[in-house]
Amino acid sequence: MKRIWELCKEKELSINALSNAAGVTQSTVNDIVNGTTRNTGITTIKKLCDGLEISIRHFFDSDLFSNLEQEIK
């Protein structure tokens, strides 16, 4: 997920540092970042936000999410 890369770069954190701060395994974070895991749960996103010291609102406040198509029509 590109957004995690952006935020890590902004906060000058490595993926390893983020996983430690968030209490999420590094393999899980790697899978999310590399696109192996496509349906990341909100609980995991909340943990990553806590590790980044940001709100969920801030996480989703990005142009990356502004043009997503609706999944259910």
PDB file of N, CA and C in Angstrom:
ATOM      1  N   MET A   1       0.849  -1.168   0.000  1.00  0.00           N
ATOM      2  CA  MET A   1       0.000   0.000   0.000  1.00  0.00           C
ATOM      3  C   MET A   1       0.896   1.233   0.000  1.00  0.00           C
ATOM      4  N   LYS A   2       0.730   2.025  -1.031  1.00  0.00           N
ATOM      5  CA  LYS A   2       1.559   3.202  -1.216  1.00  0.00           C
ATOM      6  C   LYS A   2       1.496   4.179  -0.043  1.00  0.00           C
ATOM      7  N   ARG A   3       0.340   4.274   0.563  1.00  0.00           N
ATOM      8  CA  ARG A   3       0.144   5.253   1.645  1.00  0.00           C
ATOM      9  C   ARG A   3       1.088   4.973   2.810  1.00  0.00           C
ATOM     10  N   ILE A   4       1.301   3.718   3.135  1.00  0.00           N
ATOM     11  CA  ILE A   4       2.202   3.378   4.243  1.00  0.00           C
ATOM     12  C   ILE A   4       3.624   3.822   3.911  1.00  0.00           C
ATOM     13  N   TRP A   5       4.045   3.601   2.659  1.00  0.00           N
ATOM     14  CA  TRP A   5       5.375   4.067   2.241  1.00  0.00           C
ATOM     15  C   TRP A   5       5.490   5.582   2.400  1.00  0.00           C
ATOM     16  N   GLU A   6       4.463   6.305   1.941  1.00  0.00           N
ATOM     17  CA  GLU A   6       4.472   7.767   2.051  1.00  0.00           C
ATOM     18  C   GLU A   6       4.642   8.210   3.497  1.00  0.00           C
ATOM     19  N   LEU A   7       3.848   7.609   4.369  1.00  0.00           N
ATOM     20  CA  LEU A   7       3.871   8.016   5.775  1.00  0.00           C
ATOM     21  C   LEU A   7       5.175   7.635   6.460  1.00  0.00           C
ATOM     22  N   CYS A   8       5.718   6.471   6.133  1.00  0.00           N
ATOM     23  CA  CYS A   8       7.018   6.081   6.699  1.00  0.00           C
ATOM     24  C   CYS A   8       8.103   7.051   6.257  1.00  0.00           C
ATOM     25  N   LYS A   9       8.076   7.423   4.993  1.00  0.00           N
ATOM     26  CA  LYS A   9       9.059   8.377   4.485  1.00  0.00           C
ATOM     27  C   LYS A   9       8.911   9.723   5.188  1.00  0.00           C
ATOM     28  N   GLU A  10       7.654  10.173   5.321  1.00  0.00           N
ATOM     29  CA  GLU A  10       7.357  11.441   5.991  1.00  0.00           C
ATOM     30  C   GLU A  10       7.855  11.434   7.436  1.00  0.00           C
ATOM     31  N   LYS A  11       7.676  10.299   8.119  1.00  0.00           N
ATOM     32  CA  LYS A  11       8.060  10.180   9.532  1.00  0.00           C
ATOM     33  C   LYS A  11       9.496   9.675   9.714  1.00  0.00           C
ATOM     34  N   GLU A  12      10.174   9.407   8.585  1.00  0.00           N
ATOM     35  CA  GLU A  12      11.541   8.867   8.597  1.00  0.00           C
ATOM     36  C   GLU A  12      11.622   7.569   9.391  1.00  0.00           C
ATOM     37  N   LEU A  13      10.662   6.673   9.100  1.00  0.00           N
ATOM     38  CA  LEU A  13      10.613   5.354   9.740  1.00  0.00           C
ATOM     39  C   LEU A  13      10.836   4.263   8.712  1.00  0.00           C
ATOM     40  N   SER A  14      11.553   3.239   9.102  1.00  0.00           N
ATOM     41  CA  SER A  14      11.663   2.052   8.256  1.00  0.00           C
ATOM     42  C   SER A  14      10.430   1.189   8.491  1.00  0.00           C
ATOM     43  N   ILE A  15      10.207   0.234   7.613  1.00  0.00           N
ATOM     44  CA  ILE A  15       9.101  -0.706   7.788  1.00  0.00           C
ATOM     45  C   ILE A  15       9.301  -1.483   9.094  1.00  0.00           C
ATOM     46  N   ASN A  16      10.538  -1.831   9.396  1.00  0.00           N
ATOM     47  CA  ASN A  16      10.827  -2.545  10.637  1.00  0.00           C
ATOM     48  C   ASN A  16      10.486  -1.696  11.854  1.00  0.00           C
ATOM     49  N   ALA A  17      10.857  -0.429  11.825  1.00  0.00           N
ATOM     50  CA  ALA A  17      10.549   0.467  12.948  1.00  0.00           C
ATOM     51  C   ALA A  17       9.046   0.635  13.102  1.00  0.00           C
ATOM     52  N   LEU A  18       8.332   0.758  11.986  1.00  0.00           N
ATOM     53  CA  LEU A  18       6.877   0.876  12.046  1.00  0.00           C
ATOM     54  C   LEU A  18       6.256  -0.380  12.635  1.00  0.00           C
ATOM     55  N   SER A  19       6.703  -1.537  12.193  1.00  0.00           N
ATOM     56  CA  SER A  19       6.122  -2.784  12.709  1.00  0.00           C
ATOM     57  C   SER A  19       6.346  -2.910  14.213  1.00  0.00           C
ATOM     58  N   ASN A  20       7.513  -2.521  14.685  1.00  0.00           N
ATOM     59  CA  ASN A  20       7.795  -2.558  16.125  1.00  0.00           C
ATOM     60  C   ASN A  20       6.921  -1.571  16.884  1.00  0.00           C
ATOM     61  N   ALA A  21       6.799  -0.345  16.367  1.00  0.00           N
ATOM     62  CA  ALA A  21       5.999   0.679  17.041  1.00  0.00           C
ATOM     63  C   ALA A  21       4.515   0.331  17.047  1.00  0.00           C
ATOM     64  N   ALA A  22       4.062  -0.357  15.989  1.00  0.00           N
ATOM     65  CA  ALA A  22       2.641  -0.675  15.851  1.00  0.00           C
ATOM     66  C   ALA A  22       2.260  -1.996  16.507  1.00  0.00           C
ATOM     67  N   GLY A  23       3.240  -2.818  16.828  1.00  0.00           N
ATOM     68  CA  GLY A  23       2.936  -4.128  17.391  1.00  0.00           C
ATOM     69  C   GLY A  23       2.361  -5.077  16.350  1.00  0.00           C
ATOM     70  N   VAL A  24       2.795  -4.889  15.104  1.00  0.00           N
ATOM     71  CA  VAL A  24       2.373  -5.738  13.990  1.00  0.00           C
ATOM     72  C   VAL A  24       3.630  -6.400  13.447  1.00  0.00           C
ATOM     73  N   THR A  25       3.541  -7.676  13.110  1.00  0.00           N
ATOM     74  CA  THR A  25       4.744  -8.352  12.632  1.00  0.00           C
ATOM     75  C   THR A  25       5.261  -7.694  11.355  1.00  0.00           C
ATOM     76  N   GLN A  26       6.581  -7.743  11.195  1.00  0.00           N
ATOM     77  CA  GLN A  26       7.179  -7.141  10.011  1.00  0.00           C
ATOM     78  C   GLN A  26       6.701  -7.843   8.742  1.00  0.00           C
ATOM     79  N   SER A  27       6.485  -9.143   8.811  1.00  0.00           N
ATOM     80  CA  SER A  27       6.008  -9.861   7.626  1.00  0.00           C
ATOM     81  C   SER A  27       4.619  -9.374   7.221  1.00  0.00           C
ATOM     82  N   THR A  28       3.775  -9.062   8.189  1.00  0.00           N
ATOM     83  CA  THR A  28       2.448  -8.529   7.879  1.00  0.00           C
ATOM     84  C   THR A  28       2.557  -7.170   7.200  1.00  0.00           C
ATOM     85  N   VAL A  29       3.384  -6.301   7.750  1.00  0.00           N
ATOM     86  CA  VAL A  29       3.565  -4.974   7.151  1.00  0.00           C
ATOM     87  C   VAL A  29       4.164  -5.109   5.751  1.00  0.00           C
ATOM     88  N   ASN A  30       5.145  -5.984   5.591  1.00  0.00           N
ATOM     89  CA  ASN A  30       5.736  -6.221   4.271  1.00  0.00           C
ATOM     90  C   ASN A  30       4.686  -6.694   3.279  1.00  0.00           C
ATOM     91  N   ASP A  31       3.834  -7.627   3.705  1.00  0.00           N
ATOM     92  CA  ASP A  31       2.778  -8.136   2.823  1.00  0.00           C
ATOM     93  C   ASP A  31       1.818  -7.027   2.406  1.00  0.00           C
ATOM     94  N   ILE A  32       1.490  -6.140   3.324  1.00  0.00           N
ATOM     95  CA  ILE A  32       0.598  -5.022   3.010  1.00  0.00           C
ATOM     96  C   ILE A  32       1.269  -4.077   2.013  1.00  0.00           C
ATOM     97  N   VAL A  33       2.498  -3.711   2.307  1.00  0.00           N
ATOM     98  CA  VAL A  33       3.231  -2.762   1.468  1.00  0.00           C
ATOM     99  C   VAL A  33       3.494  -3.335   0.073  1.00  0.00           C
ATOM    100  N   ASN A  34       3.793  -4.615   0.010  1.00  0.00           N
ATOM    101  CA  ASN A  34       4.110  -5.241  -1.280  1.00  0.00           C
ATOM    102  C   ASN A  34       2.870  -5.653  -2.065  1.00  0.00           C
ATOM    103  N   GLY A  35       1.697  -5.482  -1.477  1.00  0.00           N
ATOM    104  CA  GLY A  35       0.466  -5.817  -2.177  1.00  0.00           C
ATOM    105  C   GLY A  35       0.074  -7.273  -2.100  1.00  0.00           C
ATOM    106  N   THR A  36       0.794  -8.064  -1.320  1.00  0.00           N
ATOM    107  CA  THR A  36       0.451  -9.472  -1.143  1.00  0.00           C
ATOM    108  C   THR A  36      -0.874  -9.607  -0.416  1.00  0.00           C
ATOM    109  N   THR A  37      -1.069  -8.750   0.585  1.00  0.00           N
ATOM    110  CA  THR A  37      -2.331  -8.687   1.313  1.00  0.00           C
ATOM    111  C   THR A  37      -3.117  -7.519   0.749  1.00  0.00           C
ATOM    112  N   ARG A  38      -4.276  -7.801   0.180  1.00  0.00           N
ATOM    113  CA  ARG A  38      -5.057  -6.741  -0.464  1.00  0.00           C
ATOM    114  C   ARG A  38      -6.203  -6.240   0.400  1.00  0.00           C
ATOM    115  N   ASN A  39      -6.647  -7.009   1.358  1.00  0.00           N
ATOM    116  CA  ASN A  39      -7.779  -6.612   2.200  1.00  0.00           C
ATOM    117  C   ASN A  39      -7.343  -6.492   3.653  1.00  0.00           C
ATOM    118  N   THR A  40      -6.588  -5.471   3.929  1.00  0.00           N
ATOM    119  CA  THR A  40      -6.095  -5.241   5.275  1.00  0.00           C
ATOM    120  C   THR A  40      -7.248  -4.809   6.170  1.00  0.00           C
ATOM    121  N   GLY A  41      -7.361  -5.433   7.318  1.00  0.00           N
ATOM    122  CA  GLY A  41      -8.437  -5.115   8.254  1.00  0.00           C
ATOM    123  C   GLY A  41      -8.231  -3.767   8.922  1.00  0.00           C
ATOM    124  N   ILE A  42      -9.327  -3.185   9.353  1.00  0.00           N
ATOM    125  CA  ILE A  42      -9.286  -1.869   9.988  1.00  0.00           C
ATOM    126  C   ILE A  42      -8.505  -1.910  11.302  1.00  0.00           C
ATOM    127  N   THR A  43      -8.523  -3.056  11.983  1.00  0.00           N
ATOM    128  CA  THR A  43      -7.758  -3.181  13.234  1.00  0.00           C
ATOM    129  C   THR A  43      -6.268  -3.044  12.957  1.00  0.00           C
ATOM    130  N   THR A  44      -5.801  -3.670  11.900  1.00  0.00           N
ATOM    131  CA  THR A  44      -4.387  -3.570  11.532  1.00  0.00           C
ATOM    132  C   THR A  44      -4.052  -2.149  11.100  1.00  0.00           C
ATOM    133  N   ILE A  45      -4.928  -1.528  10.329  1.00  0.00           N
ATOM    134  CA  ILE A  45      -4.687  -0.146   9.913  1.00  0.00           C
ATOM    135  C   ILE A  45      -4.633   0.767  11.132  1.00  0.00           C
ATOM    136  N   LYS A  46      -5.513   0.544  12.098  1.00  0.00           N
ATOM    137  CA  LYS A  46      -5.508   1.345  13.336  1.00  0.00           C
ATOM    138  C   LYS A  46      -4.194   1.167  14.087  1.00  0.00           C
ATOM    139  N   LYS A  47      -3.703  -0.063  14.170  1.00  0.00           N
ATOM    140  CA  LYS A  47      -2.414  -0.308  14.835  1.00  0.00           C
ATOM    141  C   LYS A  47      -1.282   0.420  14.111  1.00  0.00           C
ATOM    142  N   LEU A  48      -1.303   0.379  12.778  1.00  0.00           N
ATOM    143  CA  LEU A  48      -0.271   1.077  12.008  1.00  0.00           C
ATOM    144  C   LEU A  48      -0.368   2.584  12.232  1.00  0.00           C
ATOM    145  N   CYS A  49      -1.582   3.103  12.280  1.00  0.00           N
ATOM    146  CA  CYS A  49      -1.770   4.528  12.567  1.00  0.00           C
ATOM    147  C   CYS A  49      -1.228   4.883  13.949  1.00  0.00           C
ATOM    148  N   ASP A  50      -1.492   4.019  14.924  1.00  0.00           N
ATOM    149  CA  ASP A  50      -0.957   4.252  16.272  1.00  0.00           C
ATOM    150  C   ASP A  50       0.564   4.264  16.236  1.00  0.00           C
ATOM    151  N   GLY A  51       1.156   3.338  15.490  1.00  0.00           N
ATOM    152  CA  GLY A  51       2.619   3.287  15.356  1.00  0.00           C
ATOM    153  C   GLY A  51       3.174   4.524  14.669  1.00  0.00           C
ATOM    154  N   LEU A  52       2.407   5.074  13.746  1.00  0.00           N
ATOM    155  CA  LEU A  52       2.815   6.288  13.038  1.00  0.00           C
ATOM    156  C   LEU A  52       2.445   7.558  13.803  1.00  0.00           C
ATOM    157  N   GLU A  53       1.683   7.385  14.897  1.00  0.00           N
ATOM    158  CA  GLU A  53       1.197   8.490  15.716  1.00  0.00           C
ATOM    159  C   GLU A  53       0.325   9.450  14.903  1.00  0.00           C
ATOM    160  N   ILE A  54      -0.598   8.852  14.141  1.00  0.00           N
ATOM    161  CA  ILE A  54      -1.555   9.625  13.355  1.00  0.00           C
ATOM    162  C   ILE A  54      -2.945   9.039  13.570  1.00  0.00           C
ATOM    163  N   SER A  55      -3.949   9.790  13.174  1.00  0.00           N
ATOM    164  CA  SER A  55      -5.323   9.296  13.258  1.00  0.00           C
ATOM    165  C   SER A  55      -5.657   8.509  11.989  1.00  0.00           C
ATOM    166  N   ILE A  56      -6.704   7.710  12.087  1.00  0.00           N
ATOM    167  CA  ILE A  56      -7.183   7.000  10.903  1.00  0.00           C
ATOM    168  C   ILE A  56      -7.628   8.019   9.856  1.00  0.00           C
ATOM    169  N   ARG A  57      -8.232   9.099  10.302  1.00  0.00           N
ATOM    170  CA  ARG A  57      -8.655  10.166   9.378  1.00  0.00           C
ATOM    171  C   ARG A  57      -7.466  10.685   8.586  1.00  0.00           C
ATOM    172  N   HIS A  58      -6.351  10.938   9.263  1.00  0.00           N
ATOM    173  CA  HIS A  58      -5.144  11.419   8.579  1.00  0.00           C
ATOM    174  C   HIS A  58      -4.637  10.365   7.593  1.00  0.00           C
ATOM    175  N   PHE A  59      -4.701   9.092   7.980  1.00  0.00           N
ATOM    176  CA  PHE A  59      -4.245   8.016   7.104  1.00  0.00           C
ATOM    177  C   PHE A  59      -4.994   8.054   5.768  1.00  0.00           C
ATOM    178  N   PHE A  60      -6.313   8.188   5.827  1.00  0.00           N
ATOM    179  CA  PHE A  60      -7.126   8.153   4.613  1.00  0.00           C
ATOM    180  C   PHE A  60      -7.240   9.510   3.918  1.00  0.00           C
ATOM    181  N   ASP A  61      -6.682  10.554   4.517  1.00  0.00           N
ATOM    182  CA  ASP A  61      -6.710  11.884   3.924  1.00  0.00           C
ATOM    183  C   ASP A  61      -5.573  12.018   2.909  1.00  0.00           C
ATOM    184  N   SER A  62      -5.765  11.380   1.772  1.00  0.00           N
ATOM    185  CA  SER A  62      -4.749  11.344   0.732  1.00  0.00           C
ATOM    186  C   SER A  62      -5.416  11.239  -0.626  1.00  0.00           C
ATOM    187  N   ASP A  63      -4.801  11.819  -1.629  1.00  0.00           N
ATOM    188  CA  ASP A  63      -5.316  11.712  -2.987  1.00  0.00           C
ATOM    189  C   ASP A  63      -5.368  10.269  -3.465  1.00  0.00           C
ATOM    190  N   LEU A  64      -4.577   9.399  -2.850  1.00  0.00           N
ATOM    191  CA  LEU A  64      -4.594   7.976  -3.221  1.00  0.00           C
ATOM    192  C   LEU A  64      -5.972   7.356  -3.034  1.00  0.00           C
ATOM    193  N   PHE A  65      -6.761   7.900  -2.120  1.00  0.00           N
ATOM    194  CA  PHE A  65      -8.074   7.334  -1.822  1.00  0.00           C
ATOM    195  C   PHE A  65      -9.227   8.127  -2.439  1.00  0.00           C
ATOM    196  N   SER A  66      -8.953   9.245  -3.076  1.00  0.00           N
ATOM    197  CA  SER A  66     -10.037  10.104  -3.547  1.00  0.00           C
ATOM    198  C   SER A  66     -10.726   9.609  -4.819  1.00  0.00           C
ATOM    199  N   ASN A  67     -10.094   8.775  -5.595  1.00  0.00           N
ATOM    200  CA  ASN A  67     -10.697   8.316  -6.847  1.00  0.00           C
ATOM    201  C   ASN A  67     -10.967   6.822  -6.877  1.00  0.00           C
ATOM    202  N   LEU A  68     -11.130   6.219  -5.727  1.00  0.00           N
ATOM    203  CA  LEU A  68     -11.428   4.792  -5.684  1.00  0.00           C
ATOM    204  C   LEU A  68     -12.850   4.544  -6.167  1.00  0.00           C
ATOM    205  N   GLU A  69     -13.003   3.469  -6.922  1.00  0.00           N
ATOM    206  CA  GLU A  69     -14.347   3.100  -7.381  1.00  0.00           C
ATOM    207  C   GLU A  69     -15.078   2.361  -6.282  1.00  0.00           C
ATOM    208  N   GLN A  70     -16.356   2.518  -6.267  1.00  0.00           N
ATOM    209  CA  GLN A  70     -17.187   1.820  -5.298  1.00  0.00           C
ATOM    210  C   GLN A  70     -17.172   0.336  -5.616  1.00  0.00           C
ATOM    211  N   GLU A  71     -16.948  -0.497  -4.600  1.00  0.00           N
ATOM    212  CA  GLU A  71     -16.863  -1.942  -4.780  1.00  0.00           C
ATOM    213  C   GLU A  71     -18.245  -2.574  -4.987  1.00  0.00           C
ATOM    214  N   ILE A  72     -19.233  -2.105  -4.254  1.00  0.00           N
ATOM    215  CA  ILE A  72     -20.580  -2.658  -4.344  1.00  0.00           C
ATOM    216  C   ILE A  72     -21.477  -1.621  -4.994  1.00  0.00           C
ATOM    217  N   LYS A  73     -22.139  -2.015  -6.057  1.00  0.00           N
ATOM    218  CA  LYS A  73     -22.994  -1.054  -6.768  1.00  0.00           C
ATOM    219  C   LYS A  73     -24.427  -1.485  -6.697  1.00  0.00           C
TER     220      LYS A  73
END
